[in-house]
């Protein structure tokens, strides 16, 4: 299976053929399980550097370690904010973002306030996002807003995308991987259709194979969050069409 990859600004069409190296460059190599050990985090970071993944994505407690390992390699470090429920106070999310940026994180994936969205409190949702975005952008960092699509109706997904873009988010993201479902092709396509070229789309949750990754990219994803990055590259290396 082959497809094309959006290069440069997120969401702009490109005729550039996809290659395993290009796929690696949009993977957030991720380890967020609560029992992750120092040794596992060190291994994740070494793999991210070796395979030139976009990001080594770890829980906040491991950010300083990850930054030390990846410094100067071109691989950035990411961490979640308000994870995994998104129900923290906005002030708490902002403090968490400040701590992570101080430790050297570059990508912040924040969970939007799902309950507020479903209650119709759009102002709270947008302000919650903007609070983190403003802090991150002042530090030259990137914010991806996790919608937790499996908990949202079609209309709520559209509203969540619009609020995220209005608040200045760099990406919208499908899932935490800790709720009732992960990324789907339909959700990625919907999100891309809503945000257009105004933001990137990150597919995360259940993306485990090369075919999974290619399908998400074809649907409009410009970033893949996965703990299966090595397997994805192995699959792609065996694809004779690439």
Protein backbone atom coordinates (compact mmCIF):
# COMPACT_ATOMS: atom_id res chain seq x y z
CA UNK A 1 0.00 0.00 0.00
CA UNK A 2 1.36 3.42 -0.88
CA UNK A 3 0.12 6.93 -0.33
CA UNK A 4 1.38 10.48 -0.22
CA UNK A 5 2.58 12.49 2.71
CA UNK A 6 1.86 16.08 3.56
CA UNK A 7 5.16 17.87 3.89
CA UNK A 8 5.73 21.36 5.25
CA UNK A 9 2.61 23.10 6.52
CA UNK A 10 0.15 20.61 7.99
CA UNK A 11 -2.78 19.78 5.79
CA UNK A 12 -1.41 20.91 2.44
CA UNK A 13 -1.55 18.33 -0.32
CA UNK A 14 1.72 16.98 -1.67
CA UNK A 15 2.62 14.65 -4.50
CA UNK A 16 5.76 13.52 -2.70
CA UNK A 17 5.77 9.70 -2.42
CA UNK A 18 5.73 8.28 1.06
CA UNK A 19 8.85 6.50 2.29
CA UNK A 20 9.67 4.75 5.57
CA UNK A 21 11.99 7.62 6.48
CA UNK A 22 9.20 10.15 5.92
CA UNK A 23 6.83 8.11 8.06
CA UNK A 24 9.42 7.95 10.83
CA UNK A 25 9.70 11.74 10.71
CA UNK A 26 6.04 12.16 11.71
CA UNK A 27 5.92 9.51 14.45
CA UNK A 28 5.71 10.46 18.11
CA UNK A 29 7.43 7.41 19.65
CA UNK A 30 5.37 6.99 22.78
CA UNK A 31 5.58 5.40 26.21
CA UNK A 32 2.83 6.53 28.57
CA UNK A 33 2.03 3.41 30.56
CA UNK A 34 2.02 4.13 34.29
CA UNK A 35 4.54 1.41 35.14
CA UNK A 36 7.17 2.53 32.64
CA UNK A 37 10.66 2.28 34.13
CA UNK A 38 13.74 4.43 33.69
CA UNK A 39 15.32 1.72 31.56
CA UNK A 40 12.30 1.58 29.27
CA UNK A 41 12.31 5.35 28.86
CA UNK A 42 16.01 5.29 28.03
CA UNK A 43 15.35 2.60 25.43
CA UNK A 44 12.48 4.60 23.92
CA UNK A 45 14.69 7.65 23.57
CA UNK A 46 17.52 5.63 22.01
CA UNK A 47 15.07 4.18 19.49
CA UNK A 48 13.70 7.63 18.69
CA UNK A 49 17.20 8.89 17.97
CA UNK A 50 18.20 5.80 15.97
CA UNK A 51 15.11 5.86 13.74
CA UNK A 52 14.83 9.65 13.56
CA UNK A 53 11.32 9.78 14.92
CA UNK A 54 9.81 13.23 15.34
CA UNK A 55 9.44 13.00 19.09
CA UNK A 56 10.11 10.88 22.15
CA UNK A 57 6.82 11.14 24.02
CA UNK A 58 6.89 10.34 27.74
CA UNK A 59 5.06 11.03 30.98
CA UNK A 60 6.00 14.27 32.75
CA UNK A 61 8.13 12.59 35.38
CA UNK A 62 10.53 11.39 32.65
CA UNK A 63 10.82 14.61 30.62
CA UNK A 64 14.13 15.76 32.08
CA UNK A 65 15.69 12.35 31.47
CA UNK A 66 14.41 12.23 27.90
CA UNK A 67 15.62 15.75 27.14
CA UNK A 68 19.09 14.85 28.37
CA UNK A 69 19.25 11.77 26.15
CA UNK A 70 17.91 13.39 22.98
CA UNK A 71 19.59 16.80 23.22
CA UNK A 72 21.31 17.75 19.98
CA UNK A 73 19.89 14.82 17.99
CA UNK A 74 17.00 16.56 16.24
CA UNK A 75 14.47 14.52 18.21
CA UNK A 76 12.25 16.60 20.47
CA UNK A 77 10.55 15.50 23.69
CA UNK A 78 6.82 15.61 24.22
CA UNK A 79 4.59 15.09 27.23
CA UNK A 80 0.88 15.17 28.05
CA UNK A 81 -1.01 17.89 29.92
CA UNK A 82 -4.21 17.24 31.84
CA UNK A 83 -3.81 13.57 31.03
CA UNK A 84 -5.78 11.41 30.58
CA UNK A 85 -9.15 12.90 31.60
CA UNK A 86 -8.80 16.59 30.71
CA UNK A 87 -10.91 17.52 33.72
CA UNK A 88 -8.19 19.46 35.55
CA UNK A 89 -8.62 23.13 36.27
CA UNK A 90 -7.26 25.38 33.55
CA UNK A 91 -4.86 26.90 36.08
CA UNK A 92 -3.49 23.42 36.83
CA UNK A 93 -2.96 22.72 33.14
CA UNK A 94 -1.10 25.98 32.74
CA UNK A 95 1.19 25.20 35.66
CA UNK A 96 1.83 21.74 34.28
CA UNK A 97 2.67 23.23 30.89
CA UNK A 98 5.09 25.70 32.49
CA UNK A 99 6.85 22.90 34.37
CA UNK A 100 7.17 20.75 31.25
CA UNK A 101 8.54 23.62 29.18
CA UNK A 102 11.02 24.50 31.92
CA UNK A 103 12.26 20.90 31.81
CA UNK A 104 12.74 21.10 28.05
CA UNK A 105 9.60 19.59 26.53
CA UNK A 106 8.78 20.85 23.04
CA UNK A 107 5.46 19.11 22.25
CA UNK A 108 2.56 19.38 24.70
CA UNK A 109 -0.45 17.15 24.06
CA UNK A 110 -3.26 18.49 26.21
CA UNK A 111 -6.62 16.83 26.81
CA UNK A 112 -9.48 19.22 26.27
CA UNK A 113 -12.20 19.49 28.91
CA UNK A 114 -14.55 16.84 27.54
CA UNK A 115 -17.23 17.36 30.18
CA UNK A 116 -17.33 21.09 29.55
CA UNK A 117 -17.63 20.50 25.81
CA UNK A 118 -20.50 18.06 26.26
CA UNK A 119 -22.18 20.56 28.61
CA UNK A 120 -22.07 23.22 25.92
CA UNK A 121 -19.56 25.44 27.70
CA UNK A 122 -17.56 26.39 24.62
CA UNK A 123 -15.99 29.44 26.24
CA UNK A 124 -14.44 27.34 29.01
CA UNK A 125 -13.12 24.81 26.50
CA UNK A 126 -11.54 27.45 24.29
CA UNK A 127 -10.04 29.39 27.19
CA UNK A 128 -8.67 26.16 28.66
CA UNK A 129 -6.85 25.43 25.41
CA UNK A 130 -5.71 28.99 24.85
CA UNK A 131 -4.14 29.16 28.30
CA UNK A 132 -1.78 26.31 27.43
CA UNK A 133 -1.26 27.48 23.84
CA UNK A 134 -0.17 30.96 24.88
CA UNK A 135 2.40 29.61 27.34
CA UNK A 136 3.72 27.04 24.86
CA UNK A 137 3.97 29.38 21.90
CA UNK A 138 5.83 31.95 23.99
CA UNK A 139 8.44 29.24 24.55
CA UNK A 140 8.51 28.13 20.90
CA UNK A 141 6.68 24.90 21.70
CA UNK A 142 3.84 23.04 19.99
CA UNK A 143 0.39 22.17 21.34
CA UNK A 144 -1.76 19.25 20.21
CA UNK A 145 -5.30 19.12 21.58
CA UNK A 146 -6.62 15.65 22.36
CA UNK A 147 -10.34 15.49 21.58
CA UNK A 148 -10.99 11.96 22.88
CA UNK A 149 -13.17 11.27 19.85
CA UNK A 150 -14.66 8.03 21.19
CA UNK A 151 -16.56 10.08 23.79
CA UNK A 152 -17.89 12.71 21.37
CA UNK A 153 -20.77 12.96 18.94
CA UNK A 154 -20.17 14.03 15.36
CA UNK A 155 -21.21 17.59 16.15
CA UNK A 156 -19.02 17.68 19.26
CA UNK A 157 -15.99 16.54 17.24
CA UNK A 158 -16.56 19.38 14.78
CA UNK A 159 -16.98 21.93 17.56
CA UNK A 160 -13.88 20.63 19.35
CA UNK A 161 -11.81 21.06 16.19
CA UNK A 162 -13.10 24.59 15.62
CA UNK A 163 -12.47 25.62 19.22
CA UNK A 164 -8.97 24.16 19.13
CA UNK A 165 -8.08 26.09 15.98
CA UNK A 166 -9.66 29.27 17.33
CA UNK A 167 -7.50 28.91 20.46
CA UNK A 168 -4.35 28.63 18.36
CA UNK A 169 -3.60 24.92 18.69
CA UNK A 170 -1.05 23.49 16.28
CA UNK A 171 -2.71 20.08 15.99
CA UNK A 172 -5.93 18.30 16.87
CA UNK A 173 -5.49 14.74 18.08
CA UNK A 174 -7.89 11.81 18.13
CA UNK A 175 -7.36 10.04 21.43
CA UNK A 176 -5.42 9.53 24.62
CA UNK A 177 -5.26 5.78 24.11
CA UNK A 178 -6.65 5.40 27.63
CA UNK A 179 -10.39 5.77 26.95
CA UNK A 180 -13.00 3.69 25.13
CA UNK A 181 -11.49 3.86 21.65
CA UNK A 182 -8.56 4.99 19.56
CA UNK A 183 -7.98 6.60 16.19
CA UNK A 184 -10.32 5.77 13.32
CA UNK A 185 -10.02 6.63 9.65
CA UNK A 186 -13.41 8.34 9.74
CA UNK A 187 -12.41 10.57 12.66
CA UNK A 188 -9.11 11.54 11.07
CA UNK A 189 -10.83 12.38 7.80
CA UNK A 190 -13.46 14.42 9.63
CA UNK A 191 -10.86 16.33 11.61
CA UNK A 192 -8.83 17.07 8.49
CA UNK A 193 -11.96 18.27 6.74
CA UNK A 194 -12.78 20.65 9.59
CA UNK A 195 -9.34 22.11 10.24
CA UNK A 196 -8.18 22.16 6.62
CA UNK A 197 -4.73 23.69 6.44
CA UNK A 198 -5.16 25.58 9.71
CA UNK A 199 -3.76 22.80 11.91
CA UNK A 200 -2.21 19.37 11.80
CA UNK A 201 -4.04 16.17 12.68
CA UNK A 202 -2.51 13.55 14.97
CA UNK A 203 -3.83 9.98 14.88
CA UNK A 204 -3.18 8.20 18.15
CA UNK A 205 -4.53 5.07 19.77
CA UNK A 206 -4.41 1.67 18.10
CA UNK A 207 -2.04 2.60 15.27
CA UNK A 208 0.12 -0.52 15.36
CA UNK A 209 1.07 -1.57 11.82
CA UNK A 210 2.45 -0.06 8.66
CA UNK A 211 -0.94 -0.34 7.01
CA UNK A 212 -2.55 1.39 9.99
CA UNK A 213 -0.13 4.30 9.71
CA UNK A 214 -0.53 4.64 5.95
CA UNK A 215 -4.32 4.55 6.22
CA UNK A 216 -4.27 7.33 8.81
CA UNK A 217 -1.93 9.45 6.71
CA UNK A 218 -4.07 8.91 3.64
CA UNK A 219 -7.09 10.05 5.66
CA UNK A 220 -5.30 13.28 6.57
CA UNK A 221 -3.03 12.64 9.56
CA UNK A 222 0.22 14.59 9.67
CA UNK A 223 1.44 13.08 12.93
CA UNK A 224 1.15 9.54 14.30
CA UNK A 225 1.27 8.78 18.01
CA UNK A 226 2.17 5.17 18.70
CA UNK A 227 4.14 2.80 20.88
CA UNK A 228 4.59 0.60 17.80
CA UNK A 229 6.88 2.83 15.75
CA UNK A 230 9.52 0.14 15.31
CA UNK A 231 6.95 -2.36 14.02
CA UNK A 232 5.50 0.22 11.65
CA UNK A 233 8.91 0.83 10.10
CA UNK A 234 9.55 -2.91 9.81
CA UNK A 235 6.25 -3.33 7.98
CA UNK A 236 7.01 -0.46 5.63
CA UNK A 237 10.50 -1.77 4.91
CA UNK A 238 8.92 -4.99 3.62
CA UNK A 239 6.49 -3.14 1.32
CA UNK A 240 7.80 -3.50 -2.25
CA UNK A 241 5.83 -0.46 -3.41
CA UNK A 242 7.93 1.89 -1.28
